[in-house]
Each structure stands twice: as C-alpha cells, then as structure tokens.
Amino acid sequence: MLIPIAGDLARRLAPGGAVVLSGVLGEEAEAVLAAYTAAGLALADRRDLAEWCALVLRAAG
C-alpha cells in the first residue's frame, strides 16, 4: 500500500518536509525505501525493532 502512493506523497511534502512511515515489515523496507527515494525523498532515519521498521524521509529543501 505504501509503494503505490510514494510519488503522490512526495509531491505533497513542503520543501524540507518529512514523512514517517511506520509499521513497515522489515522484509519490505528496502522496496518501500527504493520507491520513496526514486520519488525524490532522502532517508533521514531508520529504526528497526524485531520484524518491524520505521522510515523517516525528507524532501529536498
């Protein structure tokens, strides 16, 4: 569900804005991260706990 909305979400962020994607399964985290970086966001932080992951991504600016 997070991958198909990556481009739309990235376009809606203000310059320098951030989005937190939480509750991502660890096995899906790399694919989610790839979609959001391809949409122009940069990884600011990643936290892993057991099989779950949270990603903090920032827009340029």
PDB file of N, CA and C in Angstrom:
ATOM      1  N   MET A   1       0.810  -1.198   0.000  1.00  0.00           N
ATOM      2  CA  MET A   1       0.000   0.000   0.000  1.00  0.00           C
ATOM      3  C   MET A   1       0.858   1.269   0.000  1.00  0.00           C
ATOM      4  N   LEU A   2       2.018   1.243   0.624  1.00  0.00           N
ATOM      5  CA  LEU A   2       2.861   2.437   0.686  1.00  0.00           C
ATOM      6  C   LEU A   2       3.578   2.727  -0.630  1.00  0.00           C
ATOM      7  N   ILE A   3       3.941   1.706  -1.359  1.00  0.00           N
ATOM      8  CA  ILE A   3       4.710   1.900  -2.592  1.00  0.00           C
ATOM      9  C   ILE A   3       3.909   2.649  -3.666  1.00  0.00           C
ATOM     10  N   PRO A   4       2.658   2.296  -3.928  1.00  0.00           N
ATOM     11  CA  PRO A   4       1.922   2.999  -4.989  1.00  0.00           C
ATOM     12  C   PRO A   4       1.691   4.490  -4.728  1.00  0.00           C
ATOM     13  N   ILE A   5       1.740   4.925  -3.486  1.00  0.00           N
ATOM     14  CA  ILE A   5       1.480   6.342  -3.183  1.00  0.00           C
ATOM     15  C   ILE A   5       2.754   7.157  -2.994  1.00  0.00           C
ATOM     16  N   ALA A   6       3.920   6.562  -3.236  1.00  0.00           N
ATOM     17  CA  ALA A   6       5.190   7.246  -2.988  1.00  0.00           C
ATOM     18  C   ALA A   6       5.293   8.573  -3.743  1.00  0.00           C
ATOM     19  N   GLY A   7       5.022   8.566  -5.038  1.00  0.00           N
ATOM     20  CA  GLY A   7       5.145   9.784  -5.840  1.00  0.00           C
ATOM     21  C   GLY A   7       4.180  10.862  -5.404  1.00  0.00           C
ATOM     22  N   ASP A   8       2.947  10.494  -5.147  1.00  0.00           N
ATOM     23  CA  ASP A   8       1.945  11.468  -4.723  1.00  0.00           C
ATOM     24  C   ASP A   8       2.296  12.071  -3.362  1.00  0.00           C
ATOM     25  N   LEU A   9       2.717  11.238  -2.442  1.00  0.00           N
ATOM     26  CA  LEU A   9       3.087  11.728  -1.116  1.00  0.00           C
ATOM     27  C   LEU A   9       4.306  12.649  -1.197  1.00  0.00           C
ATOM     28  N   ALA A  10       5.289  12.273  -1.993  1.00  0.00           N
ATOM     29  CA  ALA A  10       6.492  13.102  -2.142  1.00  0.00           C
ATOM     30  C   ALA A  10       6.148  14.467  -2.730  1.00  0.00           C
ATOM     31  N   ARG A  11       5.240  14.516  -3.689  1.00  0.00           N
ATOM     32  CA  ARG A  11       4.846  15.791  -4.300  1.00  0.00           C
ATOM     33  C   ARG A  11       4.091  16.696  -3.316  1.00  0.00           C
ATOM     34  N   ARG A  12       3.457  16.122  -2.341  1.00  0.00           N
ATOM     35  CA  ARG A  12       2.665  16.905  -1.386  1.00  0.00           C
ATOM     36  C   ARG A  12       3.485  17.454  -0.221  1.00  0.00           C
ATOM     37  N   LEU A  13       4.701  16.989  -0.055  1.00  0.00           N
ATOM     38  CA  LEU A  13       5.541  17.473   1.039  1.00  0.00           C
ATOM     39  C   LEU A  13       6.108  18.853   0.710  1.00  0.00           C
ATOM     40  N   ALA A  14       6.127  19.709   1.712  1.00  0.00           N
ATOM     41  CA  ALA A  14       6.768  21.015   1.573  1.00  0.00           C
ATOM     42  C   ALA A  14       8.277  20.806   1.473  1.00  0.00           C
ATOM     43  N   PRO A  15       9.002  21.744   0.849  1.00  0.00           N
ATOM     44  CA  PRO A  15      10.459  21.633   0.826  1.00  0.00           C
ATOM     45  C   PRO A  15      10.997  21.482   2.245  1.00  0.00           C
ATOM     46  N   GLY A  16      11.836  20.491   2.447  1.00  0.00           N
ATOM     47  CA  GLY A  16      12.387  20.221   3.767  1.00  0.00           C
ATOM     48  C   GLY A  16      11.447  19.437   4.668  1.00  0.00           C
ATOM     49  N   GLY A  17      10.240  19.146   4.195  1.00  0.00           N
ATOM     50  CA  GLY A  17       9.264  18.414   4.995  1.00  0.00           C
ATOM     51  C   GLY A  17       9.663  16.966   5.176  1.00  0.00           C
ATOM     52  N   ALA A  18       9.055  16.334   6.171  1.00  0.00           N
ATOM     53  CA  ALA A  18       9.377  14.944   6.478  1.00  0.00           C
ATOM     54  C   ALA A  18       8.114  14.101   6.534  1.00  0.00           C
ATOM     55  N   VAL A  19       8.294  12.825   6.270  1.00  0.00           N
ATOM     56  CA  VAL A  19       7.224  11.850   6.411  1.00  0.00           C
ATOM     57  C   VAL A  19       7.796  10.669   7.190  1.00  0.00           C
ATOM     58  N   VAL A  20       6.980  10.136   8.093  1.00  0.00           N
ATOM     59  CA  VAL A  20       7.362   8.956   8.867  1.00  0.00           C
ATOM     60  C   VAL A  20       6.496   7.800   8.392  1.00  0.00           C
ATOM     61  N   LEU A  21       7.141   6.758   7.919  1.00  0.00           N
ATOM     62  CA  LEU A  21       6.452   5.547   7.509  1.00  0.00           C
ATOM     63  C   LEU A  21       6.748   4.499   8.570  1.00  0.00           C
ATOM     64  N   SER A  22       5.734   4.149   9.341  1.00  0.00           N
ATOM     65  CA  SER A  22       5.918   3.235  10.455  1.00  0.00           C
ATOM     66  C   SER A  22       5.074   1.986  10.250  1.00  0.00           C
ATOM     67  N   GLY A  23       5.479   0.910  10.879  1.00  0.00           N
ATOM     68  CA  GLY A  23       4.757  -0.340  10.731  1.00  0.00           C
ATOM     69  C   GLY A  23       5.074  -1.049   9.435  1.00  0.00           C
ATOM     70  N   VAL A  24       6.248  -0.800   8.912  1.00  0.00           N
ATOM     71  CA  VAL A  24       6.703  -1.441   7.677  1.00  0.00           C
ATOM     72  C   VAL A  24       7.381  -2.757   8.066  1.00  0.00           C
ATOM     73  N   LEU A  25       6.994  -3.831   7.423  1.00  0.00           N
ATOM     74  CA  LEU A  25       7.675  -5.098   7.679  1.00  0.00           C
ATOM     75  C   LEU A  25       9.124  -4.994   7.214  1.00  0.00           C
ATOM     76  N   GLY A  26      10.037  -5.474   8.028  1.00  0.00           N
ATOM     77  CA  GLY A  26      11.453  -5.396   7.703  1.00  0.00           C
ATOM     78  C   GLY A  26      11.787  -5.978   6.356  1.00  0.00           C
ATOM     79  N   GLU A  27      11.100  -7.049   5.972  1.00  0.00           N
ATOM     80  CA  GLU A  27      11.377  -7.688   4.683  1.00  0.00           C
ATOM     81  C   GLU A  27      10.908  -6.846   3.503  1.00  0.00           C
ATOM     82  N   GLU A  28      10.059  -5.846   3.744  1.00  0.00           N
ATOM     83  CA  GLU A  28       9.565  -4.958   2.695  1.00  0.00           C
ATOM     84  C   GLU A  28      10.221  -3.576   2.728  1.00  0.00           C
ATOM     85  N   ALA A  29      11.023  -3.318   3.736  1.00  0.00           N
ATOM     86  CA  ALA A  29      11.581  -1.979   3.955  1.00  0.00           C
ATOM     87  C   ALA A  29      12.431  -1.491   2.783  1.00  0.00           C
ATOM     88  N   GLU A  30      13.257  -2.347   2.214  1.00  0.00           N
ATOM     89  CA  GLU A  30      14.129  -1.909   1.115  1.00  0.00           C
ATOM     90  C   GLU A  30      13.321  -1.518  -0.117  1.00  0.00           C
ATOM     91  N   ALA A  31      12.265  -2.258  -0.409  1.00  0.00           N
ATOM     92  CA  ALA A  31      11.416  -1.931  -1.563  1.00  0.00           C
ATOM     93  C   ALA A  31      10.675  -0.621  -1.327  1.00  0.00           C
ATOM     94  N   VAL A  32      10.181  -0.416  -0.109  1.00  0.00           N
ATOM     95  CA  VAL A  32       9.497   0.843   0.233  1.00  0.00           C
ATOM     96  C   VAL A  32      10.487   1.998   0.133  1.00  0.00           C
ATOM     97  N   LEU A  33      11.656   1.836   0.709  1.00  0.00           N
ATOM     98  CA  LEU A  33      12.681   2.873   0.661  1.00  0.00           C
ATOM     99  C   LEU A  33      13.066   3.200  -0.775  1.00  0.00           C
ATOM    100  N   ALA A  34      13.219   2.207  -1.616  1.00  0.00           N
ATOM    101  CA  ALA A  34      13.579   2.437  -3.020  1.00  0.00           C
ATOM    102  C   ALA A  34      12.510   3.252  -3.733  1.00  0.00           C
ATOM    103  N   ALA A  35      11.245   2.974  -3.457  1.00  0.00           N
ATOM    104  CA  ALA A  35      10.159   3.723  -4.098  1.00  0.00           C
ATOM    105  C   ALA A  35      10.175   5.183  -3.685  1.00  0.00           C
ATOM    106  N   TYR A  36      10.426   5.455  -2.427  1.00  0.00           N
ATOM    107  CA  TYR A  36      10.407   6.828  -1.932  1.00  0.00           C
ATOM    108  C   TYR A  36      11.660   7.609  -2.324  1.00  0.00           C
ATOM    109  N   THR A  37      12.804   6.947  -2.391  1.00  0.00           N
ATOM    110  CA  THR A  37      13.994   7.653  -2.869  1.00  0.00           C
ATOM    111  C   THR A  37      13.879   7.931  -4.361  1.00  0.00           C
ATOM    112  N   ALA A  38      13.260   7.024  -5.110  1.00  0.00           N
ATOM    113  CA  ALA A  38      13.026   7.265  -6.539  1.00  0.00           C
ATOM    114  C   ALA A  38      12.068   8.439  -6.740  1.00  0.00           C
ATOM    115  N   ALA A  39      11.210   8.686  -5.754  1.00  0.00           N
ATOM    116  CA  ALA A  39      10.270   9.808  -5.828  1.00  0.00           C
ATOM    117  C   ALA A  39      10.909  11.113  -5.351  1.00  0.00           C
ATOM    118  N   GLY A  40      12.181  11.068  -4.960  1.00  0.00           N
ATOM    119  CA  GLY A  40      12.899  12.288  -4.606  1.00  0.00           C
ATOM    120  C   GLY A  40      13.113  12.531  -3.133  1.00  0.00           C
ATOM    121  N   LEU A  41      12.724  11.601  -2.282  1.00  0.00           N
ATOM    122  CA  LEU A  41      12.927  11.781  -0.849  1.00  0.00           C
ATOM    123  C   LEU A  41      14.230  11.117  -0.420  1.00  0.00           C
ATOM    124  N   ALA A  42      14.789  11.620   0.671  1.00  0.00           N
ATOM    125  CA  ALA A  42      16.044  11.080   1.188  1.00  0.00           C
ATOM    126  C   ALA A  42      15.810  10.469   2.564  1.00  0.00           C
ATOM    127  N   LEU A  43      16.466   9.360   2.821  1.00  0.00           N
ATOM    128  CA  LEU A  43      16.346   8.708   4.124  1.00  0.00           C
ATOM    129  C   LEU A  43      17.035   9.554   5.187  1.00  0.00           C
ATOM    130  N   ALA A  44      16.292   9.928   6.223  1.00  0.00           N
ATOM    131  CA  ALA A  44      16.849  10.695   7.337  1.00  0.00           C
ATOM    132  C   ALA A  44      17.131   9.801   8.536  1.00  0.00           C
ATOM    133  N   ASP A  45      16.316   8.751   8.718  1.00  0.00           N
ATOM    134  CA  ASP A  45      16.497   7.849   9.852  1.00  0.00           C
ATOM    135  C   ASP A  45      15.760   6.549   9.577  1.00  0.00           C
ATOM    136  N   ARG A  46      16.264   5.501  10.155  1.00  0.00           N
ATOM    137  CA  ARG A  46      15.611   4.194  10.073  1.00  0.00           C
ATOM    138  C   ARG A  46      15.732   3.530  11.423  1.00  0.00           C
ATOM    139  N   ARG A  47      14.632   3.014  11.907  1.00  0.00           N
ATOM    140  CA  ARG A  47      14.617   2.280  13.173  1.00  0.00           C
ATOM    141  C   ARG A  47      14.015   0.907  12.941  1.00  0.00           C
ATOM    142  N   ASP A  48      14.696  -0.118  13.427  1.00  0.00           N
ATOM    143  CA  ASP A  48      14.213  -1.491  13.304  1.00  0.00           C
ATOM    144  C   ASP A  48      13.965  -2.065  14.687  1.00  0.00           C
ATOM    145  N   LEU A  49      12.857  -2.765  14.829  1.00  0.00           N
ATOM    146  CA  LEU A  49      12.523  -3.449  16.073  1.00  0.00           C
ATOM    147  C   LEU A  49      11.848  -4.760  15.703  1.00  0.00           C
ATOM    148  N   ALA A  50      12.532  -5.841  16.015  1.00  0.00           N
ATOM    149  CA  ALA A  50      12.063  -7.179  15.650  1.00  0.00           C
ATOM    150  C   ALA A  50      11.816  -7.205  14.142  1.00  0.00           C
ATOM    151  N   GLU A  51      10.612  -7.574  13.709  1.00  0.00           N
ATOM    152  CA  GLU A  51      10.348  -7.655  12.265  1.00  0.00           C
ATOM    153  C   GLU A  51       9.792  -6.366  11.686  1.00  0.00           C
ATOM    154  N   TRP A  52       9.709  -5.307  12.500  1.00  0.00           N
ATOM    155  CA  TRP A  52       9.114  -4.045  12.053  1.00  0.00           C
ATOM    156  C   TRP A  52      10.172  -2.975  11.821  1.00  0.00           C
ATOM    157  N   CYS A  53       9.793  -1.999  11.011  1.00  0.00           N
ATOM    158  CA  CYS A  53      10.719  -0.929  10.660  1.00  0.00           C
ATOM    159  C   CYS A  53       9.948   0.394  10.553  1.00  0.00           C
ATOM    160  N   ALA A  54      10.606   1.470  10.906  1.00  0.00           N
ATOM    161  CA  ALA A  54      10.072   2.814  10.686  1.00  0.00           C
ATOM    162  C   ALA A  54      11.104   3.583   9.868  1.00  0.00           C
ATOM    163  N   LEU A  55      10.626   4.303   8.869  1.00  0.00           N
ATOM    164  CA  LEU A  55      11.493   5.101   8.000  1.00  0.00           C
ATOM    165  C   LEU A  55      11.098   6.571   8.115  1.00  0.00           C
ATOM    166  N   VAL A  56      12.087   7.431   8.287  1.00  0.00           N
ATOM    167  CA  VAL A  56      11.861   8.873   8.258  1.00  0.00           C
ATOM    168  C   VAL A  56      12.528   9.381   6.992  1.00  0.00           C
ATOM    169  N   LEU A  57      11.725  10.023   6.135  1.00  0.00           N
ATOM    170  CA  LEU A  57      12.212  10.503   4.845  1.00  0.00           C
ATOM    171  C   LEU A  57      11.980  12.005   4.737  1.00  0.00           C
ATOM    172  N   ARG A  58      12.905  12.703   4.093  1.00  0.00           N
ATOM    173  CA  ARG A  58      12.805  14.163   3.944  1.00  0.00           C
ATOM    174  C   ARG A  58      12.813  14.565   2.486  1.00  0.00           C
ATOM    175  N   ALA A  59      12.057  15.619   2.227  1.00  0.00           N
ATOM    176  CA  ALA A  59      12.060  16.246   0.902  1.00  0.00           C
ATOM    177  C   ALA A  59      13.240  17.212   0.826  1.00  0.00           C
ATOM    178  N   ALA A  60      13.774  17.408  -0.350  1.00  0.00           N
ATOM    179  CA  ALA A  60      14.866  18.369  -0.535  1.00  0.00           C
ATOM    180  C   ALA A  60      14.391  19.763  -0.181  1.00  0.00           C
ATOM    181  N   GLY A  61      15.322  20.574   0.250  1.00  0.00           N
ATOM    182  CA  GLY A  61      14.968  21.963   0.524  1.00  0.00           C
ATOM    183  C   GLY A  61      15.361  22.330   1.859  1.00  0.00           C
TER     184      GLY A  61
END
